[in-house]
Amino acid sequence: MVDGSDTVWGAQAILGLGYQLTNDLRVFADYRYRAWQDTKLTDASGARVSIDNASSSINLGAAYTF
């Protein structure tokens, strides 16, 4: 178990593409990378723990207008 709080800086980069299939339908995809400075917390035994925070995601979607 880890307890505590820490305030850190973070950043995000997004790259996306979209394509209009018809006048009413559009599809899109994007890639997102998020990273934060290492978070420093304390575990149940009192030892300091450093957590590396980064994530990647791919999002797909469609938009229909009427």
PDB file of N, CA and C in Angstrom:
ATOM      1  N   MET A   1       0.843  -1.174   0.000  1.00  0.00           N
ATOM      2  CA  MET A   1       0.000   0.000   0.000  1.00  0.00           C
ATOM      3  C   MET A   1       0.888   1.236   0.000  1.00  0.00           C
ATOM      4  N   VAL A   2       0.504   2.198  -0.796  1.00  0.00           N
ATOM      5  CA  VAL A   2       1.259   3.445  -0.910  1.00  0.00           C
ATOM      6  C   VAL A   2       0.353   4.588  -0.498  1.00  0.00           C
ATOM      7  N   ASP A   3       0.908   5.547   0.254  1.00  0.00           N
ATOM      8  CA  ASP A   3       0.122   6.672   0.741  1.00  0.00           C
ATOM      9  C   ASP A   3       0.890   7.960   0.482  1.00  0.00           C
ATOM     10  N   GLY A   4       0.161   9.048   0.336  1.00  0.00           N
ATOM     11  CA  GLY A   4       0.797  10.345   0.199  1.00  0.00           C
ATOM     12  C   GLY A   4       0.277  11.112  -0.994  1.00  0.00           C
ATOM     13  N   SER A   5       0.854  12.284  -1.195  1.00  0.00           N
ATOM     14  CA  SER A   5       0.495  13.101  -2.352  1.00  0.00           C
ATOM     15  C   SER A   5       1.733  13.862  -2.796  1.00  0.00           C
ATOM     16  N   ASP A   6       1.737  14.239  -4.051  1.00  0.00           N
ATOM     17  CA  ASP A   6       2.869  14.960  -4.614  1.00  0.00           C
ATOM     18  C   ASP A   6       2.342  15.820  -5.760  1.00  0.00           C
ATOM     19  N   THR A   7       2.880  17.002  -5.924  1.00  0.00           N
ATOM     20  CA  THR A   7       2.511  17.871  -7.034  1.00  0.00           C
ATOM     21  C   THR A   7       3.652  17.852  -8.039  1.00  0.00           C
ATOM     22  N   VAL A   8       3.335  17.509  -9.294  1.00  0.00           N
ATOM     23  CA  VAL A   8       4.367  17.389 -10.323  1.00  0.00           C
ATOM     24  C   VAL A   8       3.892  18.035 -11.623  1.00  0.00           C
ATOM     25  N   TRP A   9       4.835  18.289 -12.520  1.00  0.00           N
ATOM     26  CA  TRP A   9       4.533  18.818 -13.846  1.00  0.00           C
ATOM     27  C   TRP A   9       4.222  17.680 -14.790  1.00  0.00           C
ATOM     28  N   GLY A  10       3.389  17.960 -15.794  1.00  0.00           N
ATOM     29  CA  GLY A  10       3.059  16.957 -16.798  1.00  0.00           C
ATOM     30  C   GLY A  10       2.959  17.577 -18.176  1.00  0.00           C
ATOM     31  N   ALA A  11       2.944  16.718 -19.189  1.00  0.00           N
ATOM     32  CA  ALA A  11       2.824  17.177 -20.573  1.00  0.00           C
ATOM     33  C   ALA A  11       2.014  16.164 -21.369  1.00  0.00           C
ATOM     34  N   GLN A  12       1.443  16.635 -22.463  1.00  0.00           N
ATOM     35  CA  GLN A  12       0.649  15.775 -23.330  1.00  0.00           C
ATOM     36  C   GLN A  12       0.926  16.141 -24.785  1.00  0.00           C
ATOM     37  N   ALA A  13       1.053  15.129 -25.642  1.00  0.00           N
ATOM     38  CA  ALA A  13       1.196  15.343 -27.082  1.00  0.00           C
ATOM     39  C   ALA A  13       0.095  14.552 -27.782  1.00  0.00           C
ATOM     40  N   ILE A  14      -0.549  15.173 -28.780  1.00  0.00           N
ATOM     41  CA  ILE A  14      -1.647  14.526 -29.499  1.00  0.00           C
ATOM     42  C   ILE A  14      -1.391  14.651 -30.997  1.00  0.00           C
ATOM     43  N   LEU A  15      -1.579  13.537 -31.711  1.00  0.00           N
ATOM     44  CA  LEU A  15      -1.489  13.518 -33.163  1.00  0.00           C
ATOM     45  C   LEU A  15      -2.754  12.851 -33.674  1.00  0.00           C
ATOM     46  N   GLY A  16      -3.500  13.535 -34.534  1.00  0.00           N
ATOM     47  CA  GLY A  16      -4.769  12.983 -34.984  1.00  0.00           C
ATOM     48  C   GLY A  16      -5.006  13.138 -36.470  1.00  0.00           C
ATOM     49  N   LEU A  17      -5.878  12.264 -36.982  1.00  0.00           N
ATOM     50  CA  LEU A  17      -6.292  12.289 -38.378  1.00  0.00           C
ATOM     51  C   LEU A  17      -7.800  12.136 -38.449  1.00  0.00           C
ATOM     52  N   GLY A  18      -8.411  12.756 -39.437  1.00  0.00           N
ATOM     53  CA  GLY A  18      -9.840  12.600 -39.652  1.00  0.00           C
ATOM     54  C   GLY A  18     -10.128  12.512 -41.136  1.00  0.00           C
ATOM     55  N   TYR A  19     -11.236  11.849 -41.475  1.00  0.00           N
ATOM     56  CA  TYR A  19     -11.613  11.709 -42.879  1.00  0.00           C
ATOM     57  C   TYR A  19     -13.123  11.825 -43.004  1.00  0.00           C
ATOM     58  N   GLN A  20     -13.565  12.685 -43.903  1.00  0.00           N
ATOM     59  CA  GLN A  20     -14.989  12.891 -44.156  1.00  0.00           C
ATOM     60  C   GLN A  20     -15.451  11.829 -45.154  1.00  0.00           C
ATOM     61  N   LEU A  21     -16.220  10.816 -44.693  1.00  0.00           N
ATOM     62  CA  LEU A  21     -16.705   9.750 -45.573  1.00  0.00           C
ATOM     63  C   LEU A  21     -17.856  10.220 -46.455  1.00  0.00           C
ATOM     64  N   THR A  22     -18.807  10.911 -45.842  1.00  0.00           N
ATOM     65  CA  THR A  22     -19.949  11.476 -46.565  1.00  0.00           C
ATOM     66  C   THR A  22     -20.188  12.872 -46.004  1.00  0.00           C
ATOM     67  N   ASN A  23     -21.225  13.556 -46.492  1.00  0.00           N
ATOM     68  CA  ASN A  23     -21.548  14.880 -45.946  1.00  0.00           C
ATOM     69  C   ASN A  23     -21.914  14.804 -44.470  1.00  0.00           C
ATOM     70  N   ASP A  24     -22.424  13.652 -44.034  1.00  0.00           N
ATOM     71  CA  ASP A  24     -22.906  13.509 -42.659  1.00  0.00           C
ATOM     72  C   ASP A  24     -21.989  12.686 -41.748  1.00  0.00           C
ATOM     73  N   LEU A  25     -21.054  11.933 -42.299  1.00  0.00           N
ATOM     74  CA  LEU A  25     -20.265  10.988 -41.502  1.00  0.00           C
ATOM     75  C   LEU A  25     -18.773  11.258 -41.630  1.00  0.00           C
ATOM     76  N   ARG A  26     -18.145  11.384 -40.470  1.00  0.00           N
ATOM     77  CA  ARG A  26     -16.708  11.617 -40.395  1.00  0.00           C
ATOM     78  C   ARG A  26     -16.106  10.602 -39.443  1.00  0.00           C
ATOM     79  N   VAL A  27     -14.970  10.001 -39.791  1.00  0.00           N
ATOM     80  CA  VAL A  27     -14.252   9.089 -38.906  1.00  0.00           C
ATOM     81  C   VAL A  27     -12.925   9.744 -38.524  1.00  0.00           C
ATOM     82  N   PHE A  28     -12.415   9.361 -37.364  1.00  0.00           N
ATOM     83  CA  PHE A  28     -11.175   9.976 -36.900  1.00  0.00           C
ATOM     84  C   PHE A  28     -10.419   9.023 -35.987  1.00  0.00           C
ATOM     85  N   ALA A  29      -9.139   9.294 -35.843  1.00  0.00           N
ATOM     86  CA  ALA A  29      -8.270   8.532 -34.945  1.00  0.00           C
ATOM     87  C   ALA A  29      -7.232   9.493 -34.389  1.00  0.00           C
ATOM     88  N   ASP A  30      -6.825   9.241 -33.150  1.00  0.00           N
ATOM     89  CA  ASP A  30      -5.718  10.027 -32.615  1.00  0.00           C
ATOM     90  C   ASP A  30      -4.876   9.189 -31.669  1.00  0.00           C
ATOM     91  N   TYR A  31      -3.635   9.606 -31.528  1.00  0.00           N
ATOM     92  CA  TYR A  31      -2.674   8.993 -30.609  1.00  0.00           C
ATOM     93  C   TYR A  31      -2.349  10.044 -29.557  1.00  0.00           C
ATOM     94  N   ARG A  32      -2.367   9.627 -28.292  1.00  0.00           N
ATOM     95  CA  ARG A  32      -2.057  10.552 -27.196  1.00  0.00           C
ATOM     96  C   ARG A  32      -0.963   9.968 -26.314  1.00  0.00           C
ATOM     97  N   TYR A  33       0.029  10.798 -26.033  1.00  0.00           N
ATOM     98  CA  TYR A  33       1.093  10.423 -25.106  1.00  0.00           C
ATOM     99  C   TYR A  33       1.059  11.419 -23.958  1.00  0.00           C
ATOM    100  N   ARG A  34       0.989  10.901 -22.752  1.00  0.00           N
ATOM    101  CA  ARG A  34       0.974  11.750 -21.556  1.00  0.00           C
ATOM    102  C   ARG A  34       2.106  11.307 -20.637  1.00  0.00           C
ATOM    103  N   ALA A  35       2.792  12.270 -20.056  1.00  0.00           N
ATOM    104  CA  ALA A  35       3.882  11.955 -19.132  1.00  0.00           C
ATOM    105  C   ALA A  35       3.914  12.992 -18.019  1.00  0.00           C
ATOM    106  N   TRP A  36       4.255  12.540 -16.833  1.00  0.00           N
ATOM    107  CA  TRP A  36       4.389  13.399 -15.662  1.00  0.00           C
ATOM    108  C   TRP A  36       5.728  13.114 -15.016  1.00  0.00           C
ATOM    109  N   GLN A  37       6.219  14.069 -14.265  1.00  0.00           N
ATOM    110  CA  GLN A  37       7.435  13.838 -13.493  1.00  0.00           C
ATOM    111  C   GLN A  37       7.185  12.676 -12.537  1.00  0.00           C
ATOM    112  N   ASP A  38       8.267  12.026 -12.114  1.00  0.00           N
ATOM    113  CA  ASP A  38       8.126  10.932 -11.156  1.00  0.00           C
ATOM    114  C   ASP A  38       7.426  11.421  -9.893  1.00  0.00           C
ATOM    115  N   THR A  39       6.462  10.638  -9.431  1.00  0.00           N
ATOM    116  CA  THR A  39       5.745  10.938  -8.197  1.00  0.00           C
ATOM    117  C   THR A  39       6.443  10.219  -7.050  1.00  0.00           C
ATOM    118  N   LYS A  40       6.730  10.923  -5.982  1.00  0.00           N
ATOM    119  CA  LYS A  40       7.424  10.324  -4.842  1.00  0.00           C
ATOM    120  C   LYS A  40       6.446  10.187  -3.673  1.00  0.00           C
ATOM    121  N   LEU A  41       6.243   8.945  -3.234  1.00  0.00           N
ATOM    122  CA  LEU A  41       5.299   8.633  -2.164  1.00  0.00           C
ATOM    123  C   LEU A  41       5.984   7.763  -1.128  1.00  0.00           C
ATOM    124  N   THR A  42       5.238   7.350  -0.103  1.00  0.00           N
ATOM    125  CA  THR A  42       5.758   6.488   0.956  1.00  0.00           C
ATOM    126  C   THR A  42       4.908   5.232   1.041  1.00  0.00           C
ATOM    127  N   ASP A  43       5.558   4.044   1.122  1.00  0.00           N
ATOM    128  CA  ASP A  43       4.781   2.809   1.239  1.00  0.00           C
ATOM    129  C   ASP A  43       4.483   2.506   2.707  1.00  0.00           C
ATOM    130  N   ALA A  44       3.781   1.395   2.962  1.00  0.00           N
ATOM    131  CA  ALA A  44       3.327   1.056   4.317  1.00  0.00           C
ATOM    132  C   ALA A  44       4.478   0.864   5.298  1.00  0.00           C
ATOM    133  N   SER A  45       5.671   0.465   4.815  1.00  0.00           N
ATOM    134  CA  SER A  45       6.811   0.259   5.710  1.00  0.00           C
ATOM    135  C   SER A  45       7.588   1.546   5.970  1.00  0.00           C
ATOM    136  N   GLY A  46       7.200   2.643   5.321  1.00  0.00           N
ATOM    137  CA  GLY A  46       7.888   3.916   5.497  1.00  0.00           C
ATOM    138  C   GLY A  46       8.946   4.191   4.447  1.00  0.00           C
ATOM    139  N   ALA A  47       9.152   3.261   3.524  1.00  0.00           N
ATOM    140  CA  ALA A  47      10.148   3.450   2.470  1.00  0.00           C
ATOM    141  C   ALA A  47       9.604   4.396   1.400  1.00  0.00           C
ATOM    142  N   ARG A  48      10.499   5.197   0.838  1.00  0.00           N
ATOM    143  CA  ARG A  48      10.105   6.105  -0.246  1.00  0.00           C
ATOM    144  C   ARG A  48       9.935   5.310  -1.537  1.00  0.00           C
ATOM    145  N   VAL A  49       8.892   5.651  -2.291  1.00  0.00           N
ATOM    146  CA  VAL A  49       8.583   4.988  -3.557  1.00  0.00           C
ATOM    147  C   VAL A  49       8.500   6.058  -4.636  1.00  0.00           C
ATOM    148  N   SER A  50       9.150   5.809  -5.766  1.00  0.00           N
ATOM    149  CA  SER A  50       9.087   6.722  -6.905  1.00  0.00           C
ATOM    150  C   SER A  50       8.320   6.025  -8.022  1.00  0.00           C
ATOM    151  N   ILE A  51       7.264   6.662  -8.515  1.00  0.00           N
ATOM    152  CA  ILE A  51       6.411   6.070  -9.542  1.00  0.00           C
ATOM    153  C   ILE A  51       6.592   6.845 -10.838  1.00  0.00           C
ATOM    154  N   ASP A  52       6.938   6.126 -11.911  1.00  0.00           N
ATOM    155  CA  ASP A  52       7.083   6.722 -13.240  1.00  0.00           C
ATOM    156  C   ASP A  52       5.709   6.760 -13.889  1.00  0.00           C
ATOM    157  N   ASN A  53       5.247   7.946 -14.239  1.00  0.00           N
ATOM    158  CA  ASN A  53       3.903   8.121 -14.798  1.00  0.00           C
ATOM    159  C   ASN A  53       3.976   8.496 -16.267  1.00  0.00           C
ATOM    160  N   ALA A  54       3.586   7.573 -17.138  1.00  0.00           N
ATOM    161  CA  ALA A  54       3.488   7.849 -18.575  1.00  0.00           C
ATOM    162  C   ALA A  54       2.446   6.914 -19.155  1.00  0.00           C
ATOM    163  N   SER A  55       1.735   7.383 -20.164  1.00  0.00           N
ATOM    164  CA  SER A  55       0.742   6.526 -20.811  1.00  0.00           C
ATOM    165  C   SER A  55       0.617   6.882 -22.281  1.00  0.00           C
ATOM    166  N   SER A  56       0.228   5.898 -23.066  1.00  0.00           N
ATOM    167  CA  SER A  56      -0.056   6.072 -24.487  1.00  0.00           C
ATOM    168  C   SER A  56      -1.442   5.523 -24.758  1.00  0.00           C
ATOM    169  N   SER A  57      -2.178   6.162 -25.659  1.00  0.00           N
ATOM    170  CA  SER A  57      -3.493   5.637 -26.029  1.00  0.00           C
ATOM    171  C   SER A  57      -3.794   5.960 -27.482  1.00  0.00           C
ATOM    172  N   ILE A  58      -4.564   5.072 -28.100  1.00  0.00           N
ATOM    173  CA  ILE A  58      -5.068   5.274 -29.456  1.00  0.00           C
ATOM    174  C   ILE A  58      -6.580   5.334 -29.357  1.00  0.00           C
ATOM    175  N   ASN A  59      -7.162   6.388 -29.883  1.00  0.00           N
ATOM    176  CA  ASN A  59      -8.609   6.595 -29.828  1.00  0.00           C
ATOM    177  C   ASN A  59      -9.170   6.596 -31.245  1.00  0.00           C
ATOM    178  N   LEU A  60     -10.274   5.876 -31.436  1.00  0.00           N
ATOM    179  CA  LEU A  60     -10.958   5.814 -32.722  1.00  0.00           C
ATOM    180  C   LEU A  60     -12.380   6.302 -32.529  1.00  0.00           C
ATOM    181  N   GLY A  61     -12.930   6.969 -33.535  1.00  0.00           N
ATOM    182  CA  GLY A  61     -14.292   7.451 -33.378  1.00  0.00           C
ATOM    183  C   GLY A  61     -14.944   7.796 -34.697  1.00  0.00           C
ATOM    184  N   ALA A  62     -16.229   8.052 -34.603  1.00  0.00           N
ATOM    185  CA  ALA A  62     -17.018   8.480 -35.751  1.00  0.00           C
ATOM    186  C   ALA A  62     -17.970   9.568 -35.278  1.00  0.00           C
ATOM    187  N   ALA A  63     -18.242  10.517 -36.162  1.00  0.00           N
ATOM    188  CA  ALA A  63     -19.181  11.594 -35.850  1.00  0.00           C
ATOM    189  C   ALA A  63     -20.210  11.663 -36.971  1.00  0.00           C
ATOM    190  N   TYR A  64     -21.476  11.640 -36.587  1.00  0.00           N
ATOM    191  CA  TYR A  64     -22.569  11.732 -37.557  1.00  0.00           C
ATOM    192  C   TYR A  64     -23.339  13.011 -37.277  1.00  0.00           C
ATOM    193  N   THR A  65     -23.508  13.836 -38.277  1.00  0.00           N
ATOM    194  CA  THR A  65     -24.272  15.077 -38.119  1.00  0.00           C
ATOM    195  C   THR A  65     -25.569  14.975 -38.906  1.00  0.00           C
ATOM    196  N   PHE A  66     -26.619  15.549 -38.341  1.00  0.00           N
ATOM    197  CA  PHE A  66     -27.923  15.512 -39.028  1.00  0.00           C
ATOM    198  C   PHE A  66     -28.654  16.814 -38.835  1.00  0.00           C
TER     199      PHE A  66
END
